[in-house]
Amino acid sequence: MSSLPHALPYVLLMLVGLVGASLPEAWSLGPAMEPVRAALVLGVLIWFYRRGAYPELEPRKSSVRGATFLAIGAGVAVGLAWPVLTYAVPTLEIGGSGSGRGGFDAEAYGPQWAWLLLGGRLVTSVLAVPVAEELLVRSLIPRWTDAGVGDWRDVPVGRFTPLAFAASVGFFTLTHPEWLAALLTGLLWTFLLMKTGRLRDLVISHAVANAVLDGYVLLTGEVNLW
């Protein structure tokens, strides 16, 4: 079965970010890509979701008591630890990653437009990124890795062979300049998914982590973490 619904939102997320980061500074269009990215990725996710492409996101019971609260706690821990781990070691130089680290200026068009640009950044971070990234990194990649010649959708969410585990965590680590923070976060979230078996918990945890990190950036002004 096609993996397009699980891969396309992430590809668009990265592609629009790359375009924004590659535009000449004189054009001042980079920050304006944030609302575009948020609307485009969320639109694609909603379109596929309404067509039943993401059954793993549907509510279901977990054998782990308080799984959602566990996910929220993990998200808070990741959000608080990310800046510390980022500054603990040199970051990776990922050319053309589209991450936009340190290149976001909410007042690029003046204070009157700051709310729109900042709102686009926050919506992308807290809503679009967690869903798009979890669907690819901890749903598609490990299941596709383990499926062999069969249908990857037949592989249960949360079941990881050593190869699938390495593929998922490795991809997550190498696609973030903050490699140590990404590695430890990838390990934590993968173990959490193995424990609860619910991708919704990972999306919630990811959203909470990004919200905490966004709050830190807004309070400290350290936009290099964006």
C-alpha atoms as a PDB file:
ATOM      1  CA  MET A   1       0.000   0.000   0.000  1.00  0.00           C
ATOM      2  CA  SER A   2       1.202   3.533  -0.749  1.00  0.00           C
ATOM      3  CA  SER A   3       3.264   5.290   1.886  1.00  0.00           C
ATOM      4  CA  LEU A   4       2.487   8.701   0.366  1.00  0.00           C
ATOM      5  CA  PRO A   5       0.074   9.851   3.128  1.00  0.00           C
ATOM      6  CA  HIS A   6       2.732   9.180   5.773  1.00  0.00           C
ATOM      7  CA  ALA A   7       5.679  10.646   3.861  1.00  0.00           C
ATOM      8  CA  LEU A   8       4.248  13.629   1.970  1.00  0.00           C
ATOM      9  CA  PRO A   9       3.434  15.876   4.986  1.00  0.00           C
ATOM     10  CA  TYR A  10       6.993  15.543   6.276  1.00  0.00           C
ATOM     11  CA  VAL A  11       8.475  16.145   2.823  1.00  0.00           C
ATOM     12  CA  LEU A  12       6.386  19.307   2.441  1.00  0.00           C
ATOM     13  CA  LEU A  13       7.389  20.419   5.920  1.00  0.00           C
ATOM     14  CA  MET A  14      11.059  20.172   5.025  1.00  0.00           C
ATOM     15  CA  LEU A  15      10.693  21.436   1.458  1.00  0.00           C
ATOM     16  CA  VAL A  16       8.863  24.648   2.349  1.00  0.00           C
ATOM     17  CA  GLY A  17      11.339  25.266   5.181  1.00  0.00           C
ATOM     18  CA  LEU A  18      14.208  24.746   2.737  1.00  0.00           C
ATOM     19  CA  VAL A  19      12.702  27.184   0.252  1.00  0.00           C
ATOM     20  CA  GLY A  20      12.245  29.784   2.986  1.00  0.00           C
ATOM     21  CA  ALA A  21      15.817  29.363   4.205  1.00  0.00           C
ATOM     22  CA  SER A  22      17.218  29.567   0.665  1.00  0.00           C
ATOM     23  CA  LEU A  23      15.533  32.790  -0.393  1.00  0.00           C
ATOM     24  CA  PRO A  24      17.807  35.855  -0.633  1.00  0.00           C
ATOM     25  CA  GLU A  25      17.739  37.935   2.543  1.00  0.00           C
ATOM     26  CA  ALA A  26      16.931  40.998   0.466  1.00  0.00           C
ATOM     27  CA  TRP A  27      13.570  39.450  -0.420  1.00  0.00           C
ATOM     28  CA  SER A  28      12.652  39.090   3.280  1.00  0.00           C
ATOM     29  CA  LEU A  29      10.301  36.244   2.370  1.00  0.00           C
ATOM     30  CA  GLY A  30      11.782  33.544   4.599  1.00  0.00           C
ATOM     31  CA  PRO A  31       9.659  34.304   7.691  1.00  0.00           C
ATOM     32  CA  ALA A  32       6.536  34.556   5.516  1.00  0.00           C
ATOM     33  CA  MET A  33       6.905  30.901   4.606  1.00  0.00           C
ATOM     34  CA  GLU A  34       5.948  29.860   8.143  1.00  0.00           C
ATOM     35  CA  PRO A  35       2.195  30.534   7.782  1.00  0.00           C
ATOM     36  CA  VAL A  36       2.357  28.936   4.330  1.00  0.00           C
ATOM     37  CA  ARG A  37       4.063  25.856   5.732  1.00  0.00           C
ATOM     38  CA  ALA A  38       1.581  25.528   8.594  1.00  0.00           C
ATOM     39  CA  ALA A  39      -1.444  25.818   6.301  1.00  0.00           C
ATOM     40  CA  LEU A  40      -0.064  23.502   3.618  1.00  0.00           C
ATOM     41  CA  VAL A  41       1.084  20.684   5.901  1.00  0.00           C
ATOM     42  CA  LEU A  42      -2.018  20.766   8.102  1.00  0.00           C
ATOM     43  CA  GLY A  43      -4.223  20.855   5.011  1.00  0.00           C
ATOM     44  CA  VAL A  44      -2.551  17.743   3.598  1.00  0.00           C
ATOM     45  CA  LEU A  45      -2.722  15.937   6.937  1.00  0.00           C
ATOM     46  CA  ILE A  46      -6.435  16.704   7.335  1.00  0.00           C
ATOM     47  CA  TRP A  47      -7.165  15.644   3.749  1.00  0.00           C
ATOM     48  CA  PHE A  48      -5.522  12.243   4.230  1.00  0.00           C
ATOM     49  CA  TYR A  49      -6.937  11.767   7.742  1.00  0.00           C
ATOM     50  CA  ARG A  50     -10.494  12.291   6.546  1.00  0.00           C
ATOM     51  CA  ARG A  51      -9.883   9.548   3.989  1.00  0.00           C
ATOM     52  CA  GLY A  52      -8.857   7.046   6.628  1.00  0.00           C
ATOM     53  CA  ALA A  53      -5.114   7.088   5.898  1.00  0.00           C
ATOM     54  CA  TYR A  54      -4.066   7.213   9.546  1.00  0.00           C
ATOM     55  CA  PRO A  55      -5.807   4.477  11.543  1.00  0.00           C
ATOM     56  CA  GLU A  56      -2.941   4.515  14.055  1.00  0.00           C
ATOM     57  CA  LEU A  57      -4.061   7.974  15.167  1.00  0.00           C
ATOM     58  CA  GLU A  58      -7.520   6.811  16.159  1.00  0.00           C
ATOM     59  CA  PRO A  59      -8.247   6.612  19.926  1.00  0.00           C
ATOM     60  CA  ARG A  60      -7.780   3.192  21.487  1.00  0.00           C
ATOM     61  CA  LYS A  61      -7.061   1.737  24.885  1.00  0.00           C
ATOM     62  CA  SER A  62      -3.563   1.093  26.135  1.00  0.00           C
ATOM     63  CA  SER A  63      -2.423  -1.567  28.547  1.00  0.00           C
ATOM     64  CA  VAL A  64      -0.364   1.123  30.291  1.00  0.00           C
ATOM     65  CA  ARG A  65      -2.261   2.939  32.997  1.00  0.00           C
ATOM     66  CA  GLY A  66      -2.070   6.710  32.634  1.00  0.00           C
ATOM     67  CA  ALA A  67      -0.365   6.450  29.247  1.00  0.00           C
ATOM     68  CA  THR A  68      -1.421   9.952  28.194  1.00  0.00           C
ATOM     69  CA  PHE A  69      -0.091  11.513  31.396  1.00  0.00           C
ATOM     70  CA  LEU A  70       3.134   9.579  30.894  1.00  0.00           C
ATOM     71  CA  ALA A  71       3.375  11.022  27.393  1.00  0.00           C
ATOM     72  CA  ILE A  72       2.769  14.555  28.663  1.00  0.00           C
ATOM     73  CA  GLY A  73       5.443  14.137  31.332  1.00  0.00           C
ATOM     74  CA  ALA A  74       7.910  12.850  28.753  1.00  0.00           C
ATOM     75  CA  GLY A  75       7.121  15.840  26.545  1.00  0.00           C
ATOM     76  CA  VAL A  76       7.784  18.309  29.352  1.00  0.00           C
ATOM     77  CA  ALA A  77      11.076  16.562  30.134  1.00  0.00           C
ATOM     78  CA  VAL A  78      12.164  16.708  26.490  1.00  0.00           C
ATOM     79  CA  GLY A  79      11.226  20.378  26.160  1.00  0.00           C
ATOM     80  CA  LEU A  80      13.187  21.318  29.262  1.00  0.00           C
ATOM     81  CA  ALA A  81      16.203  19.167  28.445  1.00  0.00           C
ATOM     82  CA  TRP A  82      16.510  20.124  24.762  1.00  0.00           C
ATOM     83  CA  PRO A  83      18.283  23.488  25.274  1.00  0.00           C
ATOM     84  CA  VAL A  84      20.669  21.998  27.845  1.00  0.00           C
ATOM     85  CA  LEU A  85      21.591  19.076  25.584  1.00  0.00           C
ATOM     86  CA  THR A  86      21.866  21.374  22.563  1.00  0.00           C
ATOM     87  CA  TYR A  87      24.520  23.506  24.227  1.00  0.00           C
ATOM     88  CA  ALA A  88      26.325  20.499  25.710  1.00  0.00           C
ATOM     89  CA  VAL A  89      27.911  19.439  22.414  1.00  0.00           C
ATOM     90  CA  PRO A  90      28.576  21.007  18.993  1.00  0.00           C
ATOM     91  CA  THR A  91      25.596  20.756  16.660  1.00  0.00           C
ATOM     92  CA  LEU A  92      25.664  19.015  13.305  1.00  0.00           C
ATOM     93  CA  GLU A  93      25.970  21.151  10.201  1.00  0.00           C
ATOM     94  CA  ILE A  94      23.166  19.827   8.030  1.00  0.00           C
ATOM     95  CA  GLY A  95      23.337  21.679   4.756  1.00  0.00           C
ATOM     96  CA  GLY A  96      19.970  22.511   3.291  1.00  0.00           C
ATOM     97  CA  SER A  97      18.027  20.890   6.093  1.00  0.00           C
ATOM     98  CA  GLY A  98      15.365  23.559   6.033  1.00  0.00           C
ATOM     99  CA  SER A  99      15.374  23.618   9.777  1.00  0.00           C
ATOM    100  CA  GLY A 100      15.530  27.389   9.885  1.00  0.00           C
ATOM    101  CA  ARG A 101      17.628  27.367  13.064  1.00  0.00           C
ATOM    102  CA  GLY A 102      18.214  30.935  14.119  1.00  0.00           C
ATOM    103  CA  GLY A 103      16.868  32.423  10.900  1.00  0.00           C
ATOM    104  CA  PHE A 104      13.359  33.361  12.025  1.00  0.00           C
ATOM    105  CA  ASP A 105      12.462  37.019  12.473  1.00  0.00           C
ATOM    106  CA  ALA A 106       8.841  37.586  13.475  1.00  0.00           C
ATOM    107  CA  GLU A 107       9.142  41.323  12.792  1.00  0.00           C
ATOM    108  CA  ALA A 108      10.594  40.995   9.307  1.00  0.00           C
ATOM    109  CA  TYR A 109       7.630  42.928   7.883  1.00  0.00           C
ATOM    110  CA  GLY A 110       7.146  45.185  10.878  1.00  0.00           C
ATOM    111  CA  PRO A 111       5.347  44.744  14.203  1.00  0.00           C
ATOM    112  CA  GLN A 112       1.917  44.741  12.567  1.00  0.00           C
ATOM    113  CA  TRP A 113       2.659  41.398  10.886  1.00  0.00           C
ATOM    114  CA  ALA A 114       4.593  39.817  13.738  1.00  0.00           C
ATOM    115  CA  TRP A 115       1.519  38.050  15.123  1.00  0.00           C
ATOM    116  CA  LEU A 116       0.906  36.293  11.792  1.00  0.00           C
ATOM    117  CA  LEU A 117       4.500  35.162  11.304  1.00  0.00           C
ATOM    118  CA  LEU A 118       4.905  34.083  14.913  1.00  0.00           C
ATOM    119  CA  GLY A 119       1.536  32.365  14.844  1.00  0.00           C
ATOM    120  CA  GLY A 120       2.584  30.435  11.751  1.00  0.00           C
ATOM    121  CA  ARG A 121       5.787  29.347  13.468  1.00  0.00           C
ATOM    122  CA  LEU A 122       3.952  28.171  16.585  1.00  0.00           C
ATOM    123  CA  VAL A 123       1.235  26.331  14.651  1.00  0.00           C
ATOM    124  CA  THR A 124       3.891  24.574  12.596  1.00  0.00           C
ATOM    125  CA  SER A 125       5.860  23.645  15.715  1.00  0.00           C
ATOM    126  CA  VAL A 126       3.031  22.484  17.971  1.00  0.00           C
ATOM    127  CA  LEU A 127       0.553  21.030  15.471  1.00  0.00           C
ATOM    128  CA  ALA A 128       2.092  20.265  12.082  1.00  0.00           C
ATOM    129  CA  VAL A 129       5.531  18.969  13.089  1.00  0.00           C
ATOM    130  CA  PRO A 130       4.427  16.466  15.775  1.00  0.00           C
ATOM    131  CA  VAL A 131       1.871  14.769  13.534  1.00  0.00           C
ATOM    132  CA  ALA A 132       3.926  14.782  10.332  1.00  0.00           C
ATOM    133  CA  GLU A 133       7.147  13.664  12.017  1.00  0.00           C
ATOM    134  CA  GLU A 134       5.588  10.898  14.130  1.00  0.00           C
ATOM    135  CA  LEU A 135       3.710   9.466  11.149  1.00  0.00           C
ATOM    136  CA  LEU A 136       6.971   9.152   9.255  1.00  0.00           C
ATOM    137  CA  VAL A 137       9.597   8.485  11.917  1.00  0.00           C
ATOM    138  CA  ARG A 138       7.781   6.176  14.338  1.00  0.00           C
ATOM    139  CA  SER A 139       5.018   4.756  12.174  1.00  0.00           C
ATOM    140  CA  LEU A 140       6.142   4.424   8.548  1.00  0.00           C
ATOM    141  CA  ILE A 141       9.916   3.959   8.829  1.00  0.00           C
ATOM    142  CA  PRO A 142      10.032   1.151  11.418  1.00  0.00           C
ATOM    143  CA  ARG A 143       7.029  -0.703   9.984  1.00  0.00           C
ATOM    144  CA  TRP A 144       8.295  -0.397   6.422  1.00  0.00           C
ATOM    145  CA  THR A 145      11.713  -1.614   7.569  1.00  0.00           C
ATOM    146  CA  ASP A 146      10.193  -4.728   9.133  1.00  0.00           C
ATOM    147  CA  ALA A 147       7.586  -5.479   6.458  1.00  0.00           C
ATOM    148  CA  GLY A 148       9.929  -6.988   3.894  1.00  0.00           C
ATOM    149  CA  VAL A 149       7.872  -7.956   0.831  1.00  0.00           C
ATOM    150  CA  GLY A 150       4.602  -7.712   2.759  1.00  0.00           C
ATOM    151  CA  ASP A 151       2.304  -4.779   3.421  1.00  0.00           C
ATOM    152  CA  TRP A 152       3.962  -2.497   5.955  1.00  0.00           C
ATOM    153  CA  ARG A 153       0.568  -1.598   7.400  1.00  0.00           C
ATOM    154  CA  ASP A 154       0.243  -5.165   8.673  1.00  0.00           C
ATOM    155  CA  VAL A 155       3.139  -4.531  11.071  1.00  0.00           C
ATOM    156  CA  PRO A 156       1.736  -3.346  14.427  1.00  0.00           C
ATOM    157  CA  VAL A 157       2.557   0.171  15.573  1.00  0.00           C
ATOM    158  CA  GLY A 158       5.035   0.036  18.429  1.00  0.00           C
ATOM    159  CA  ARG A 159       6.688  -3.236  17.438  1.00  0.00           C
ATOM    160  CA  PHE A 160      10.379  -2.693  16.781  1.00  0.00           C
ATOM    161  CA  THR A 161      13.008  -5.161  15.694  1.00  0.00           C
ATOM    162  CA  PRO A 162      16.599  -4.003  16.332  1.00  0.00           C
ATOM    163  CA  LEU A 163      16.868  -2.916  12.688  1.00  0.00           C
ATOM    164  CA  ALA A 164      13.613  -0.945  12.778  1.00  0.00           C
ATOM    165  CA  PHE A 165      14.623   0.625  16.087  1.00  0.00           C
ATOM    166  CA  ALA A 166      17.967   1.738  14.656  1.00  0.00           C
ATOM    167  CA  ALA A 167      16.373   3.067  11.457  1.00  0.00           C
ATOM    168  CA  SER A 168      13.806   5.136  13.322  1.00  0.00           C
ATOM    169  CA  VAL A 169      16.126   6.568  15.973  1.00  0.00           C
ATOM    170  CA  GLY A 170      18.922   7.077  13.450  1.00  0.00           C
ATOM    171  CA  PHE A 171      16.725   9.027  11.048  1.00  0.00           C
ATOM    172  CA  PHE A 172      15.389  11.227  13.831  1.00  0.00           C
ATOM    173  CA  THR A 173      18.908  11.931  15.092  1.00  0.00           C
ATOM    174  CA  LEU A 174      20.468  12.719  11.725  1.00  0.00           C
ATOM    175  CA  THR A 175      17.677  15.091  10.690  1.00  0.00           C
ATOM    176  CA  HIS A 176      18.279  17.376  13.687  1.00  0.00           C
ATOM    177  CA  PRO A 177      21.371  19.563  14.093  1.00  0.00           C
ATOM    178  CA  GLU A 178      21.043  19.068  17.866  1.00  0.00           C
ATOM    179  CA  TRP A 179      22.142  15.457  17.533  1.00  0.00           C
ATOM    180  CA  LEU A 180      22.575  14.593  21.224  1.00  0.00           C
ATOM    181  CA  ALA A 181      19.178  16.014  22.168  1.00  0.00           C
ATOM    182  CA  ALA A 182      17.617  14.255  19.176  1.00  0.00           C
ATOM    183  CA  LEU A 183      19.300  10.938  19.956  1.00  0.00           C
ATOM    184  CA  LEU A 184      18.153  10.841  23.576  1.00  0.00           C
ATOM    185  CA  THR A 185      14.697  12.099  22.626  1.00  0.00           C
ATOM    186  CA  GLY A 186      14.420   9.502  19.884  1.00  0.00           C
ATOM    187  CA  LEU A 187      15.339   6.748  22.324  1.00  0.00           C
ATOM    188  CA  LEU A 188      12.846   8.001  24.912  1.00  0.00           C
ATOM    189  CA  TRP A 189       9.950   8.331  22.491  1.00  0.00           C
ATOM    190  CA  THR A 190      10.645   5.009  20.807  1.00  0.00           C
ATOM    191  CA  PHE A 191      10.626   3.217  24.161  1.00  0.00           C
ATOM    192  CA  LEU A 192       7.434   5.081  25.058  1.00  0.00           C
ATOM    193  CA  LEU A 193       5.765   3.879  21.860  1.00  0.00           C
ATOM    194  CA  MET A 194       6.935   0.319  22.504  1.00  0.00           C
ATOM    195  CA  LYS A 195       5.376   0.558  25.960  1.00  0.00           C
ATOM    196  CA  THR A 196       2.012   2.135  25.088  1.00  0.00           C
ATOM    197  CA  GLY A 197       1.558   1.008  21.491  1.00  0.00           C
ATOM    198  CA  ARG A 198      -0.297   4.253  20.720  1.00  0.00           C
ATOM    199  CA  LEU A 199       1.050   6.761  18.230  1.00  0.00           C
ATOM    200  CA  ARG A 200      -1.379   9.377  19.573  1.00  0.00           C
ATOM    201  CA  ASP A 201       0.636   9.407  22.795  1.00  0.00           C
ATOM    202  CA  LEU A 202       3.778  10.192  20.826  1.00  0.00           C
ATOM    203  CA  VAL A 203       2.061  13.021  18.957  1.00  0.00           C
ATOM    204  CA  ILE A 204       0.876  14.476  22.272  1.00  0.00           C
ATOM    205  CA  SER A 205       4.332  14.134  23.824  1.00  0.00           C
ATOM    206  CA  HIS A 206       5.960  15.723  20.787  1.00  0.00           C
ATOM    207  CA  ALA A 207       3.484  18.616  20.805  1.00  0.00           C
ATOM    208  CA  VAL A 208       4.061  19.252  24.513  1.00  0.00           C
ATOM    209  CA  ALA A 209       7.841  19.169  24.061  1.00  0.00           C
ATOM    210  CA  ASN A 210       7.703  21.664  21.203  1.00  0.00           C
ATOM    211  CA  ALA A 211       5.351  23.922  23.148  1.00  0.00           C
ATOM    212  CA  VAL A 212       7.713  23.944  26.132  1.00  0.00           C
ATOM    213  CA  LEU A 213      10.688  24.672  23.871  1.00  0.00           C
ATOM    214  CA  ASP A 214       8.757  27.431  22.088  1.00  0.00           C
ATOM    215  CA  GLY A 215       7.942  28.984  25.452  1.00  0.00           C
ATOM    216  CA  TYR A 216      11.618  28.876  26.374  1.00  0.00           C
ATOM    217  CA  VAL A 217      12.578  30.616  23.131  1.00  0.00           C
ATOM    218  CA  LEU A 218       9.950  33.305  23.587  1.00  0.00           C
ATOM    219  CA  LEU A 219      11.043  33.953  27.172  1.00  0.00           C
ATOM    220  CA  THR A 220      14.782  33.963  26.518  1.00  0.00           C
ATOM    221  CA  GLY A 221      14.947  35.221  22.944  1.00  0.00           C
ATOM    222  CA  GLU A 222      17.283  32.343  21.986  1.00  0.00           C
ATOM    223  CA  VAL A 223      15.919  31.970  18.443  1.00  0.00           C
ATOM    224  CA  ASN A 224      18.941  29.860  17.514  1.00  0.00           C
ATOM    225  CA  LEU A 225      16.893  26.967  18.928  1.00  0.00           C
ATOM    226  CA  TRP A 226      14.287  27.592  16.226  1.00  0.00           C
END
